[in-house]
């Protein structure tokens, strides 16, 4: 699982963007692979059709069985690739969602810390102002 460095405002945006870009490229590569397999399936279907037209009636049965086997294997392989792609896509999305949730939690904690800091700072400043007011009153009374 990818780890990101933190900055003052949360995770390093460049690292997060790079991670998302990497996942997008990986997903794109899987999609390209699927498209190539689909093209190969289409090519094999056309090839099968051409062969069926060329073969005489005595050997059509055996060629048909062979082509059916090839087609079945190609469909199975395509189905496997699609399932793998879906699993990988789901995993990538889930990891990205988890990272986003962690970033949101850290951002919320920073917001809360900022509120506490402001409250404390106001208290300190108010105390200092009261001290200044007290000093002015002492000088005036003397």
Protein backbone atom coordinates (compact mmCIF):
# COMPACT_ATOMS: atom_id res chain seq x y z
CA UNK A 1 0.00 0.00 0.00
CA UNK A 2 1.34 3.44 -0.98
CA UNK A 3 2.43 5.75 1.87
CA UNK A 4 2.42 9.55 1.52
CA UNK A 5 4.43 12.18 3.34
CA UNK A 6 2.46 14.71 5.36
CA UNK A 7 2.69 18.46 5.00
CA UNK A 8 1.11 21.26 7.06
CA UNK A 9 -2.15 21.04 5.12
CA UNK A 10 -2.38 17.24 4.93
CA UNK A 11 -0.74 14.79 2.59
CA UNK A 12 1.69 15.91 -0.08
CA UNK A 13 -0.57 16.69 -3.05
CA UNK A 14 2.13 15.83 -5.61
CA UNK A 15 2.60 12.36 -4.11
CA UNK A 16 -1.14 11.74 -3.99
CA UNK A 17 -1.54 12.95 -7.59
CA UNK A 18 1.37 10.73 -8.69
CA UNK A 19 -0.27 7.74 -6.97
CA UNK A 20 -3.61 8.43 -8.68
CA UNK A 21 -1.81 8.89 -12.05
CA UNK A 22 0.03 5.59 -11.56
CA UNK A 23 -3.22 3.80 -10.75
CA UNK A 24 -4.90 5.40 -13.77
CA UNK A 25 -2.06 4.23 -16.03
CA UNK A 26 -2.24 0.72 -14.55
CA UNK A 27 -6.00 0.61 -15.09
CA UNK A 28 -5.53 1.97 -18.63
CA UNK A 29 -2.98 -0.74 -19.38
CA UNK A 30 -5.46 -3.38 -18.24
CA UNK A 31 -8.17 -1.86 -20.44
CA UNK A 32 -5.75 -1.82 -23.40
CA UNK A 33 -4.98 -5.48 -22.78
CA UNK A 34 -8.70 -6.25 -22.79
CA UNK A 35 -9.17 -4.36 -26.05
CA UNK A 36 -6.30 -6.30 -27.65
CA UNK A 37 -7.88 -9.57 -26.52
CA UNK A 38 -11.25 -8.44 -27.93
CA UNK A 39 -9.53 -7.65 -31.23
CA UNK A 40 -7.85 -11.05 -31.16
CA UNK A 41 -11.21 -12.72 -30.51
CA UNK A 42 -12.76 -10.80 -33.41
CA UNK A 43 -9.82 -11.74 -35.65
CA UNK A 44 -10.12 -15.40 -34.68
CA UNK A 45 -13.87 -15.32 -35.37
CA UNK A 46 -13.24 -13.85 -38.83
CA UNK A 47 -10.51 -16.40 -39.44
CA UNK A 48 -12.86 -19.15 -38.32
CA UNK A 49 -15.56 -17.91 -40.69
CA UNK A 50 -13.09 -17.80 -43.58
CA UNK A 51 -11.89 -21.32 -42.86
CA UNK A 52 -15.41 -22.64 -42.61
CA UNK A 53 -16.18 -21.31 -46.10
CA UNK A 54 -13.00 -22.84 -47.57
CA UNK A 55 -13.30 -26.34 -46.13
CA UNK A 56 -15.35 -29.03 -47.86
CA UNK A 57 -18.32 -30.69 -46.19
CA UNK A 58 -16.36 -33.78 -44.97
CA UNK A 59 -13.96 -31.86 -42.74
CA UNK A 60 -16.31 -29.12 -41.58
CA UNK A 61 -17.23 -31.07 -38.45
CA UNK A 62 -13.67 -31.44 -37.17
CA UNK A 63 -12.72 -27.88 -38.07
CA UNK A 64 -15.90 -26.60 -36.47
CA UNK A 65 -15.07 -28.49 -33.27
CA UNK A 66 -11.55 -27.06 -33.29
CA UNK A 67 -12.78 -23.55 -33.88
CA UNK A 68 -15.39 -23.94 -31.15
CA UNK A 69 -12.65 -25.06 -28.78
CA UNK A 70 -10.47 -22.08 -29.74
CA UNK A 71 -13.42 -19.74 -29.37
CA UNK A 72 -14.33 -21.25 -26.00
CA UNK A 73 -10.75 -20.89 -24.78
CA UNK A 74 -10.55 -17.30 -26.03
CA UNK A 75 -13.82 -16.42 -24.29
CA UNK A 76 -12.61 -18.04 -21.08
CA UNK A 77 -9.33 -16.13 -21.25
CA UNK A 78 -11.18 -12.87 -21.98
CA UNK A 79 -13.53 -13.53 -19.06
CA UNK A 80 -10.56 -14.20 -16.77
CA UNK A 81 -8.82 -11.01 -17.88
CA UNK A 82 -12.00 -8.98 -17.34
CA UNK A 83 -12.49 -10.48 -13.87
CA UNK A 84 -8.87 -9.72 -12.97
CA UNK A 85 -9.25 -6.17 -14.27
CA UNK A 86 -12.41 -5.67 -12.20
CA UNK A 87 -10.69 -7.00 -9.09
CA UNK A 88 -7.69 -4.76 -9.67
CA UNK A 89 -9.90 -1.77 -10.38
CA UNK A 90 -11.92 -2.41 -7.22
CA UNK A 91 -8.74 -2.79 -5.19
CA UNK A 92 -7.29 0.42 -6.60
CA UNK A 93 -10.50 2.35 -5.95
CA UNK A 94 -10.81 0.93 -2.42
CA UNK A 95 -7.20 1.84 -1.61
CA UNK A 96 -7.72 5.35 -2.97
CA UNK A 97 -10.93 5.72 -0.91
CA UNK A 98 -9.13 4.55 2.24
CA UNK A 99 -6.32 7.02 1.62
CA UNK A 100 -8.83 9.81 0.99
CA UNK A 101 -10.63 8.93 4.23
CA UNK A 102 -7.36 9.02 6.17
CA UNK A 103 -6.53 12.39 4.65
CA UNK A 104 -9.98 13.70 5.57
CA UNK A 105 -9.55 12.51 9.17
CA UNK A 106 -6.16 14.21 9.41
CA UNK A 107 -7.57 17.41 7.92
CA UNK A 108 -10.41 17.37 10.45
CA UNK A 109 -7.92 16.86 13.29
CA UNK A 110 -5.90 19.81 12.02
CA UNK A 111 -9.06 21.94 11.93
CA UNK A 112 -9.87 20.97 15.51
CA UNK A 113 -6.30 21.65 16.64
CA UNK A 114 -6.46 25.05 14.98
CA UNK A 115 -9.68 25.90 16.89
CA UNK A 116 -8.05 24.85 20.18
CA UNK A 117 -4.91 26.82 19.34
CA UNK A 118 -6.95 29.94 18.52
CA UNK A 119 -8.93 29.61 21.75
CA UNK A 120 -5.74 29.25 23.82
CA UNK A 121 -4.08 32.11 21.96
CA UNK A 122 -7.09 34.37 22.63
CA UNK A 123 -6.89 33.47 26.33
CA UNK A 124 -3.17 34.31 26.46
CA UNK A 125 -3.65 37.58 24.57
CA UNK A 126 -6.62 38.53 26.78
CA UNK A 127 -4.53 37.79 29.88
CA UNK A 128 -1.66 39.91 28.55
CA UNK A 129 -4.06 42.79 27.77
CA UNK A 130 -5.47 42.60 31.29
CA UNK A 131 -1.92 42.72 32.68
CA UNK A 132 -1.22 45.80 30.57
CA UNK A 133 -4.42 47.43 31.81
CA UNK A 134 -3.42 46.64 35.40
CA UNK A 135 0.01 48.22 34.86
CA UNK A 136 -1.57 51.40 33.50
CA UNK A 137 -3.90 51.60 36.49
CA UNK A 138 -0.96 51.21 38.93
CA UNK A 139 1.00 54.02 37.25
CA UNK A 140 -2.01 56.32 37.34
CA UNK A 141 -2.68 55.67 41.03
CA UNK A 142 0.87 56.53 42.13
